[in-house]
Amino acid sequence: MQVQIVNWGNSQGIRIPKQLLQEANINVNDVLDVNVGNGVITFAKPFRHKTLEERAAEFGGELKLDGEFNWGEPLGREVW
C-alpha cells in the first residue's frame, strides 16, 4: 500500500487508512514512538504496563487475593 505526503499547515502529514490502524491496534490520539534509520521511518506503540484496574477487568473485576493459591503437585525438589 502506498500513501502520499501532503501539506498540513506549516508541516507535512500522512493519512493512514483506518484498516492499517486497526491491524496495528492503533487508535486516534494514541502516542507512538518514531524512529528513523537508513532512510526508513518506523512508528511503534510504546510498551505500557497495565494498571491494576485494567488487569482486574480482564478477570471480571475479581482478583481473589485472599487465601492460598493451589499451584498443583510439586514438579521438582519443592517442599510443601
PDB file of N, CA and C in Angstrom:
ATOM      1  N   MET A   1       0.847  -1.169   0.000  1.00  0.00           N
ATOM      2  CA  MET A   1       0.000   0.000   0.000  1.00  0.00           C
ATOM      3  C   MET A   1       0.895   1.235   0.000  1.00  0.00           C
ATOM      4  N   GLN A   2       0.481   2.256  -0.692  1.00  0.00           N
ATOM      5  CA  GLN A   2       1.232   3.496  -0.733  1.00  0.00           C
ATOM      6  C   GLN A   2       0.383   4.626  -0.171  1.00  0.00           C
ATOM      7  N   VAL A   3       1.055   5.579   0.469  1.00  0.00           N
ATOM      8  CA  VAL A   3       0.394   6.790   0.956  1.00  0.00           C
ATOM      9  C   VAL A   3       1.190   7.981   0.437  1.00  0.00           C
ATOM     10  N   GLN A   4       0.583   9.156   0.496  1.00  0.00           N
ATOM     11  CA  GLN A   4       1.222  10.356  -0.042  1.00  0.00           C
ATOM     12  C   GLN A   4       1.476  11.354   1.076  1.00  0.00           C
ATOM     13  N   ILE A   5       2.636  11.991   1.036  1.00  0.00           N
ATOM     14  CA  ILE A   5       2.948  13.080   1.954  1.00  0.00           C
ATOM     15  C   ILE A   5       2.196  14.314   1.459  1.00  0.00           C
ATOM     16  N   VAL A   6       1.451  14.968   2.348  1.00  0.00           N
ATOM     17  CA  VAL A   6       0.682  16.156   1.970  1.00  0.00           C
ATOM     18  C   VAL A   6       1.002  17.292   2.927  1.00  0.00           C
ATOM     19  N   ASN A   7       0.792  18.511   2.479  1.00  0.00           N
ATOM     20  CA  ASN A   7       0.965  19.672   3.355  1.00  0.00           C
ATOM     21  C   ASN A   7      -0.162  19.704   4.370  1.00  0.00           C
ATOM     22  N   TRP A   8       0.232  20.045   5.617  1.00  0.00           N
ATOM     23  CA  TRP A   8      -0.739  20.129   6.696  1.00  0.00           C
ATOM     24  C   TRP A   8      -0.327  21.341   7.511  1.00  0.00           C
ATOM     25  N   GLY A   9      -0.880  22.503   7.190  1.00  0.00           N
ATOM     26  CA  GLY A   9      -0.452  23.747   7.814  1.00  0.00           C
ATOM     27  C   GLY A   9       0.977  24.035   7.406  1.00  0.00           C
ATOM     28  N   ASN A  10       1.845  24.310   8.387  1.00  0.00           N
ATOM     29  CA  ASN A  10       3.259  24.557   8.105  1.00  0.00           C
ATOM     30  C   ASN A  10       4.089  23.272   8.138  1.00  0.00           C
ATOM     31  N   SER A  11       3.442  22.132   8.280  1.00  0.00           N
ATOM     32  CA  SER A  11       4.126  20.838   8.351  1.00  0.00           C
ATOM     33  C   SER A  11       3.661  19.957   7.207  1.00  0.00           C
ATOM     34  N   GLN A  12       4.064  18.704   7.260  1.00  0.00           N
ATOM     35  CA  GLN A  12       3.601  17.703   6.310  1.00  0.00           C
ATOM     36  C   GLN A  12       2.978  16.563   7.096  1.00  0.00           C
ATOM     37  N   GLY A  13       2.099  15.833   6.434  1.00  0.00           N
ATOM     38  CA  GLY A  13       1.427  14.736   7.113  1.00  0.00           C
ATOM     39  C   GLY A  13       1.173  13.575   6.183  1.00  0.00           C
ATOM     40  N   ILE A  14       0.816  12.453   6.783  1.00  0.00           N
ATOM     41  CA  ILE A  14       0.465  11.234   6.049  1.00  0.00           C
ATOM     42  C   ILE A  14      -0.889  10.781   6.585  1.00  0.00           C
ATOM     43  N   ARG A  15      -1.800  10.484   5.706  1.00  0.00           N
ATOM     44  CA  ARG A  15      -3.075   9.889   6.125  1.00  0.00           C
ATOM     45  C   ARG A  15      -2.913   8.382   6.085  1.00  0.00           C
ATOM     46  N   ILE A  16      -3.201   7.755   7.211  1.00  0.00           N
ATOM     47  CA  ILE A  16      -3.050   6.303   7.316  1.00  0.00           C
ATOM     48  C   ILE A  16      -4.441   5.687   7.271  1.00  0.00           C
ATOM     49  N   PRO A  17      -4.694   4.780   6.346  1.00  0.00           N
ATOM     50  CA  PRO A  17      -6.017   4.171   6.235  1.00  0.00           C
ATOM     51  C   PRO A  17      -6.449   3.486   7.542  1.00  0.00           C
ATOM     52  N   LYS A  18      -7.737   3.565   7.815  1.00  0.00           N
ATOM     53  CA  LYS A  18      -8.310   3.009   9.043  1.00  0.00           C
ATOM     54  C   LYS A  18      -7.985   1.528   9.186  1.00  0.00           C
ATOM     55  N   GLN A  19      -8.019   0.790   8.084  1.00  0.00           N
ATOM     56  CA  GLN A  19      -7.747  -0.642   8.119  1.00  0.00           C
ATOM     57  C   GLN A  19      -6.343  -0.939   8.650  1.00  0.00           C
ATOM     58  N   LEU A  20      -5.354  -0.148   8.231  1.00  0.00           N
ATOM     59  CA  LEU A  20      -3.995  -0.354   8.722  1.00  0.00           C
ATOM     60  C   LEU A  20      -3.898  -0.062  10.215  1.00  0.00           C
ATOM     61  N   LEU A  21      -4.559   0.999  10.649  1.00  0.00           N
ATOM     62  CA  LEU A  21      -4.535   1.331  12.073  1.00  0.00           C
ATOM     63  C   LEU A  21      -5.186   0.226  12.898  1.00  0.00           C
ATOM     64  N   GLN A  22      -6.287  -0.326  12.405  1.00  0.00           N
ATOM     65  CA  GLN A  22      -6.952  -1.411  13.128  1.00  0.00           C
ATOM     66  C   GLN A  22      -6.049  -2.635  13.217  1.00  0.00           C
ATOM     67  N   GLU A  23      -5.375  -2.977  12.120  1.00  0.00           N
ATOM     68  CA  GLU A  23      -4.477  -4.130  12.121  1.00  0.00           C
ATOM     69  C   GLU A  23      -3.317  -3.938  13.094  1.00  0.00           C
ATOM     70  N   ALA A  24      -2.871  -2.686  13.264  1.00  0.00           N
ATOM     71  CA  ALA A  24      -1.757  -2.386  14.172  1.00  0.00           C
ATOM     72  C   ALA A  24      -2.240  -2.087  15.585  1.00  0.00           C
ATOM     73  N   ASN A  25      -3.553  -2.151  15.810  1.00  0.00           N
ATOM     74  CA  ASN A  25      -4.145  -1.849  17.112  1.00  0.00           C
ATOM     75  C   ASN A  25      -3.761  -0.442  17.573  1.00  0.00           C
ATOM     76  N   ILE A  26      -3.838   0.523  16.652  1.00  0.00           N
ATOM     77  CA  ILE A  26      -3.549   1.921  16.947  1.00  0.00           C
ATOM     78  C   ILE A  26      -4.849   2.709  16.833  1.00  0.00           C
ATOM     79  N   ASN A  27      -5.118   3.543  17.811  1.00  0.00           N
ATOM     80  CA  ASN A  27      -6.343   4.341  17.848  1.00  0.00           C
ATOM     81  C   ASN A  27      -6.020   5.823  17.727  1.00  0.00           C
ATOM     82  N   VAL A  28      -7.034   6.607  17.389  1.00  0.00           N
ATOM     83  CA  VAL A  28      -6.880   8.063  17.330  1.00  0.00           C
ATOM     84  C   VAL A  28      -6.399   8.560  18.683  1.00  0.00           C
ATOM     85  N   ASN A  29      -5.455   9.483  18.691  1.00  0.00           N
ATOM     86  CA  ASN A  29      -4.855  10.088  19.879  1.00  0.00           C
ATOM     87  C   ASN A  29      -3.864   9.178  20.615  1.00  0.00           C
ATOM     88  N   ASP A  30      -3.574   7.982  20.101  1.00  0.00           N
ATOM     89  CA  ASP A  30      -2.511   7.164  20.687  1.00  0.00           C
ATOM     90  C   ASP A  30      -1.174   7.872  20.476  1.00  0.00           C
ATOM     91  N   VAL A  31      -0.257   7.684  21.404  1.00  0.00           N
ATOM     92  CA  VAL A  31       1.087   8.232  21.279  1.00  0.00           C
ATOM     93  C   VAL A  31       1.977   7.130  20.715  1.00  0.00           C
ATOM     94  N   LEU A  32       2.788   7.469  19.716  1.00  0.00           N
ATOM     95  CA  LEU A  32       3.663   6.494  19.077  1.00  0.00           C
ATOM     96  C   LEU A  32       5.117   6.918  19.191  1.00  0.00           C
ATOM     97  N   ASP A  33       6.013   5.936  19.279  1.00  0.00           N
ATOM     98  CA  ASP A  33       7.451   6.197  19.182  1.00  0.00           C
ATOM     99  C   ASP A  33       7.809   6.249  17.698  1.00  0.00           C
ATOM    100  N   VAL A  34       8.627   7.232  17.301  1.00  0.00           N
ATOM    101  CA  VAL A  34       9.058   7.382  15.917  1.00  0.00           C
ATOM    102  C   VAL A  34      10.567   7.219  15.870  1.00  0.00           C
ATOM    103  N   ASN A  35      11.041   6.345  14.980  1.00  0.00           N
ATOM    104  CA  ASN A  35      12.471   6.121  14.805  1.00  0.00           C
ATOM    105  C   ASN A  35      12.824   6.267  13.337  1.00  0.00           C
ATOM    106  N   VAL A  36      14.004   6.807  13.074  1.00  0.00           N
ATOM    107  CA  VAL A  36      14.488   6.985  11.713  1.00  0.00           C
ATOM    108  C   VAL A  36      15.855   6.335  11.605  1.00  0.00           C
ATOM    109  N   GLY A  37      16.057   5.560  10.563  1.00  0.00           N
ATOM    110  CA  GLY A  37      17.354   4.944  10.334  1.00  0.00           C
ATOM    111  C   GLY A  37      17.441   4.360   8.938  1.00  0.00           C
ATOM    112  N   ASN A  38      18.548   4.612   8.267  1.00  0.00           N
ATOM    113  CA  ASN A  38      18.785   4.076   6.924  1.00  0.00           C
ATOM    114  C   ASN A  38      17.662   4.411   5.954  1.00  0.00           C
ATOM    115  N   GLY A  39      17.130   5.626   6.042  1.00  0.00           N
ATOM    116  CA  GLY A  39      16.080   6.054   5.127  1.00  0.00           C
ATOM    117  C   GLY A  39      14.721   5.457   5.408  1.00  0.00           C
ATOM    118  N   VAL A  40      14.545   4.868   6.603  1.00  0.00           N
ATOM    119  CA  VAL A  40      13.278   4.231   6.968  1.00  0.00           C
ATOM    120  C   VAL A  40      12.723   4.914   8.211  1.00  0.00           C
ATOM    121  N   ILE A  41      11.445   5.237   8.179  1.00  0.00           N
ATOM    122  CA  ILE A  41      10.749   5.802   9.342  1.00  0.00           C
ATOM    123  C   ILE A  41       9.842   4.708   9.900  1.00  0.00           C
ATOM    124  N   THR A  42       9.958   4.429  11.206  1.00  0.00           N
ATOM    125  CA  THR A  42       9.086   3.431  11.827  1.00  0.00           C
ATOM    126  C   THR A  42       8.291   4.080  12.947  1.00  0.00           C
ATOM    127  N   PHE A  43       7.050   3.657  13.074  1.00  0.00           N
ATOM    128  CA  PHE A  43       6.160   4.097  14.138  1.00  0.00           C
ATOM    129  C   PHE A  43       5.795   2.875  14.963  1.00  0.00           C
ATOM    130  N   ALA A  44       5.840   2.984  16.286  1.00  0.00           N
ATOM    131  CA  ALA A  44       5.503   1.850  17.146  1.00  0.00           C
ATOM    132  C   ALA A  44       4.829   2.339  18.415  1.00  0.00           C
ATOM    133  N   LYS A  45       3.875   1.548  18.888  1.00  0.00           N
ATOM    134  CA  LYS A  45       3.249   1.863  20.170  1.00  0.00           C
ATOM    135  C   LYS A  45       4.249   1.531  21.270  1.00  0.00           C
ATOM    136  N   PRO A  46       4.492   2.462  22.188  1.00  0.00           N
ATOM    137  CA  PRO A  46       5.417   2.152  23.280  1.00  0.00           C
ATOM    138  C   PRO A  46       4.802   1.129  24.231  1.00  0.00           C
ATOM    139  N   PHE A  47       5.675   0.315  24.833  1.00  0.00           N
ATOM    140  CA  PHE A  47       5.194  -0.660  25.814  1.00  0.00           C
ATOM    141  C   PHE A  47       4.699   0.075  27.044  1.00  0.00           C
ATOM    142  N   ARG A  48       3.559  -0.333  27.544  1.00  0.00           N
ATOM    143  CA  ARG A  48       2.992   0.280  28.736  1.00  0.00           C
ATOM    144  C   ARG A  48       2.463  -0.827  29.636  1.00  0.00           C
ATOM    145  N   HIS A  49       2.885  -0.790  30.895  1.00  0.00           N
ATOM    146  CA  HIS A  49       2.358  -1.746  31.857  1.00  0.00           C
ATOM    147  C   HIS A  49       0.894  -1.448  32.116  1.00  0.00           C
ATOM    148  N   LYS A  50       0.111  -2.497  32.293  1.00  0.00           N
ATOM    149  CA  LYS A  50      -1.304  -2.321  32.613  1.00  0.00           C
ATOM    150  C   LYS A  50      -1.447  -1.931  34.074  1.00  0.00           C
ATOM    151  N   THR A  51      -2.471  -1.142  34.356  1.00  0.00           N
ATOM    152  CA  THR A  51      -2.762  -0.784  35.735  1.00  0.00           C
ATOM    153  C   THR A  51      -3.439  -1.964  36.420  1.00  0.00           C
ATOM    154  N   LEU A  52      -3.500  -1.929  37.730  1.00  0.00           N
ATOM    155  CA  LEU A  52      -4.175  -2.977  38.478  1.00  0.00           C
ATOM    156  C   LEU A  52      -5.638  -3.063  38.059  1.00  0.00           C
ATOM    157  N   GLU A  53      -6.259  -1.911  37.819  1.00  0.00           N
ATOM    158  CA  GLU A  53      -7.669  -1.895  37.421  1.00  0.00           C
ATOM    159  C   GLU A  53      -7.849  -2.564  36.052  1.00  0.00           C
ATOM    160  N   GLU A  54      -6.916  -2.305  35.120  1.00  0.00           N
ATOM    161  CA  GLU A  54      -7.004  -2.927  33.796  1.00  0.00           C
ATOM    162  C   GLU A  54      -6.828  -4.437  33.890  1.00  0.00           C
ATOM    163  N   ARG A  55      -5.908  -4.856  34.729  1.00  0.00           N
ATOM    164  CA  ARG A  55      -5.704  -6.299  34.906  1.00  0.00           C
ATOM    165  C   ARG A  55      -6.919  -6.953  35.565  1.00  0.00           C
ATOM    166  N   ALA A  56      -7.502  -6.275  36.534  1.00  0.00           N
ATOM    167  CA  ALA A  56      -8.686  -6.812  37.217  1.00  0.00           C
ATOM    168  C   ALA A  56      -9.847  -6.932  36.241  1.00  0.00           C
ATOM    169  N   ALA A  57      -9.981  -5.969  35.334  1.00  0.00           N
ATOM    170  CA  ALA A  57     -11.074  -6.004  34.366  1.00  0.00           C
ATOM    171  C   ALA A  57     -10.978  -7.242  33.473  1.00  0.00           C
ATOM    172  N   GLU A  58      -9.775  -7.711  33.209  1.00  0.00           N
ATOM    173  CA  GLU A  58      -9.599  -8.909  32.393  1.00  0.00           C
ATOM    174  C   GLU A  58     -10.123 -10.161  33.097  1.00  0.00           C
ATOM    175  N   PHE A  59     -10.246 -10.102  34.416  1.00  0.00           N
ATOM    176  CA  PHE A  59     -10.744 -11.236  35.193  1.00  0.00           C
ATOM    177  C   PHE A  59     -12.122 -10.946  35.756  1.00  0.00           C
ATOM    178  N   GLY A  60     -12.880 -10.109  35.071  1.00  0.00           N
ATOM    179  CA  GLY A  60     -14.232  -9.799  35.514  1.00  0.00           C
ATOM    180  C   GLY A  60     -14.262  -8.970  36.778  1.00  0.00           C
ATOM    181  N   GLY A  61     -13.180  -8.281  37.095  1.00  0.00           N
ATOM    182  CA  GLY A  61     -13.130  -7.419  38.255  1.00  0.00           C
ATOM    183  C   GLY A  61     -12.883  -8.142  39.558  1.00  0.00           C
ATOM    184  N   GLU A  62     -12.648  -9.467  39.506  1.00  0.00           N
ATOM    185  CA  GLU A  62     -12.433 -10.237  40.728  1.00  0.00           C
ATOM    186  C   GLU A  62     -10.983 -10.708  40.799  1.00  0.00           C
ATOM    187  N   LEU A  63     -10.224 -10.171  41.748  1.00  0.00           N
ATOM    188  CA  LEU A  63      -8.829 -10.572  41.889  1.00  0.00           C
ATOM    189  C   LEU A  63      -8.641 -11.762  42.816  1.00  0.00           C
ATOM    190  N   LYS A  64      -9.497 -11.910  43.815  1.00  0.00           N
ATOM    191  CA  LYS A  64      -9.418 -13.017  44.783  1.00  0.00           C
ATOM    192  C   LYS A  64      -8.010 -13.128  45.359  1.00  0.00           C
ATOM    193  N   LEU A  65      -7.558 -12.068  46.009  1.00  0.00           N
ATOM    194  CA  LEU A  65      -6.210 -12.038  46.564  1.00  0.00           C
ATOM    195  C   LEU A  65      -6.125 -12.643  47.957  1.00  0.00           C
ATOM    196  N   ASP A  66      -7.240 -12.991  48.556  1.00  0.00           N
ATOM    197  CA  ASP A  66      -7.214 -13.539  49.910  1.00  0.00           C
ATOM    198  C   ASP A  66      -7.079 -15.065  49.857  1.00  0.00           C
ATOM    199  N   GLY A  67      -6.463 -15.625  50.878  1.00  0.00           N
ATOM    200  CA  GLY A  67      -6.325 -17.064  50.960  1.00  0.00           C
ATOM    201  C   GLY A  67      -5.123 -17.587  50.201  1.00  0.00           C
ATOM    202  N   GLU A  68      -5.051 -18.897  50.100  1.00  0.00           N
ATOM    203  CA  GLU A  68      -3.928 -19.545  49.441  1.00  0.00           C
ATOM    204  C   GLU A  68      -4.286 -19.904  48.010  1.00  0.00           C
ATOM    205  N   PHE A  69      -3.249 -20.102  47.212  1.00  0.00           N
ATOM    206  CA  PHE A  69      -3.444 -20.490  45.827  1.00  0.00           C
ATOM    207  C   PHE A  69      -2.908 -21.891  45.640  1.00  0.00           C
ATOM    208  N   ASN A  70      -3.658 -22.748  44.968  1.00  0.00           N
ATOM    209  CA  ASN A  70      -3.230 -24.117  44.721  1.00  0.00           C
ATOM    210  C   ASN A  70      -2.371 -24.144  43.459  1.00  0.00           C
ATOM    211  N   TRP A  71      -1.074 -24.351  43.621  1.00  0.00           N
ATOM    212  CA  TRP A  71      -0.157 -24.399  42.492  1.00  0.00           C
ATOM    213  C   TRP A  71      -0.052 -25.802  41.907  1.00  0.00           C
ATOM    214  N   GLY A  72      -0.767 -26.762  42.447  1.00  0.00           N
ATOM    215  CA  GLY A  72      -0.716 -28.125  41.932  1.00  0.00           C
ATOM    216  C   GLY A  72       0.334 -28.939  42.653  1.00  0.00           C
ATOM    217  N   GLU A  73       0.591 -30.122  42.122  1.00  0.00           N
ATOM    218  CA  GLU A  73       1.556 -31.033  42.733  1.00  0.00           C
ATOM    219  C   GLU A  73       2.988 -30.545  42.466  1.00  0.00           C
ATOM    220  N   PRO A  74       3.929 -30.858  43.402  1.00  0.00           N
ATOM    221  CA  PRO A  74       5.324 -30.486  43.189  1.00  0.00           C
ATOM    222  C   PRO A  74       5.876 -31.166  41.918  1.00  0.00           C
ATOM    223  N   LEU A  75       6.714 -30.446  41.194  1.00  0.00           N
ATOM    224  CA  LEU A  75       7.287 -30.980  39.954  1.00  0.00           C
ATOM    225  C   LEU A  75       8.777 -31.266  40.075  1.00  0.00           C
ATOM    226  N   GLY A  76       9.385 -30.764  41.095  1.00  0.00           N
ATOM    227  CA  GLY A  76      10.825 -30.954  41.252  1.00  0.00           C
ATOM    228  C   GLY A  76      11.160 -31.234  42.694  1.00  0.00           C
ATOM    229  N   ARG A  77      12.085 -30.456  43.250  1.00  0.00           N
ATOM    230  CA  ARG A  77      12.512 -30.658  44.643  1.00  0.00           C
ATOM    231  C   ARG A  77      11.842 -29.684  45.594  1.00  0.00           C
ATOM    232  N   GLU A  78      10.660 -29.188  45.198  1.00  0.00           N
ATOM    233  CA  GLU A  78       9.950 -28.254  46.087  1.00  0.00           C
ATOM    234  C   GLU A  78       9.533 -28.957  47.357  1.00  0.00           C
ATOM    235  N   VAL A  79       9.454 -28.209  48.440  1.00  0.00           N
ATOM    236  CA  VAL A  79       8.958 -28.741  49.701  1.00  0.00           C
ATOM    237  C   VAL A  79       7.676 -28.011  50.031  1.00  0.00           C
ATOM    238  N   TRP A  80       6.591 -28.749  50.249  1.00  0.00           N
ATOM    239  CA  TRP A  80       5.297 -28.134  50.552  1.00  0.00           C
ATOM    240  C   TRP A  80       5.012 -28.242  52.011  1.00  0.00           C
TER     241      TRP A  80
END
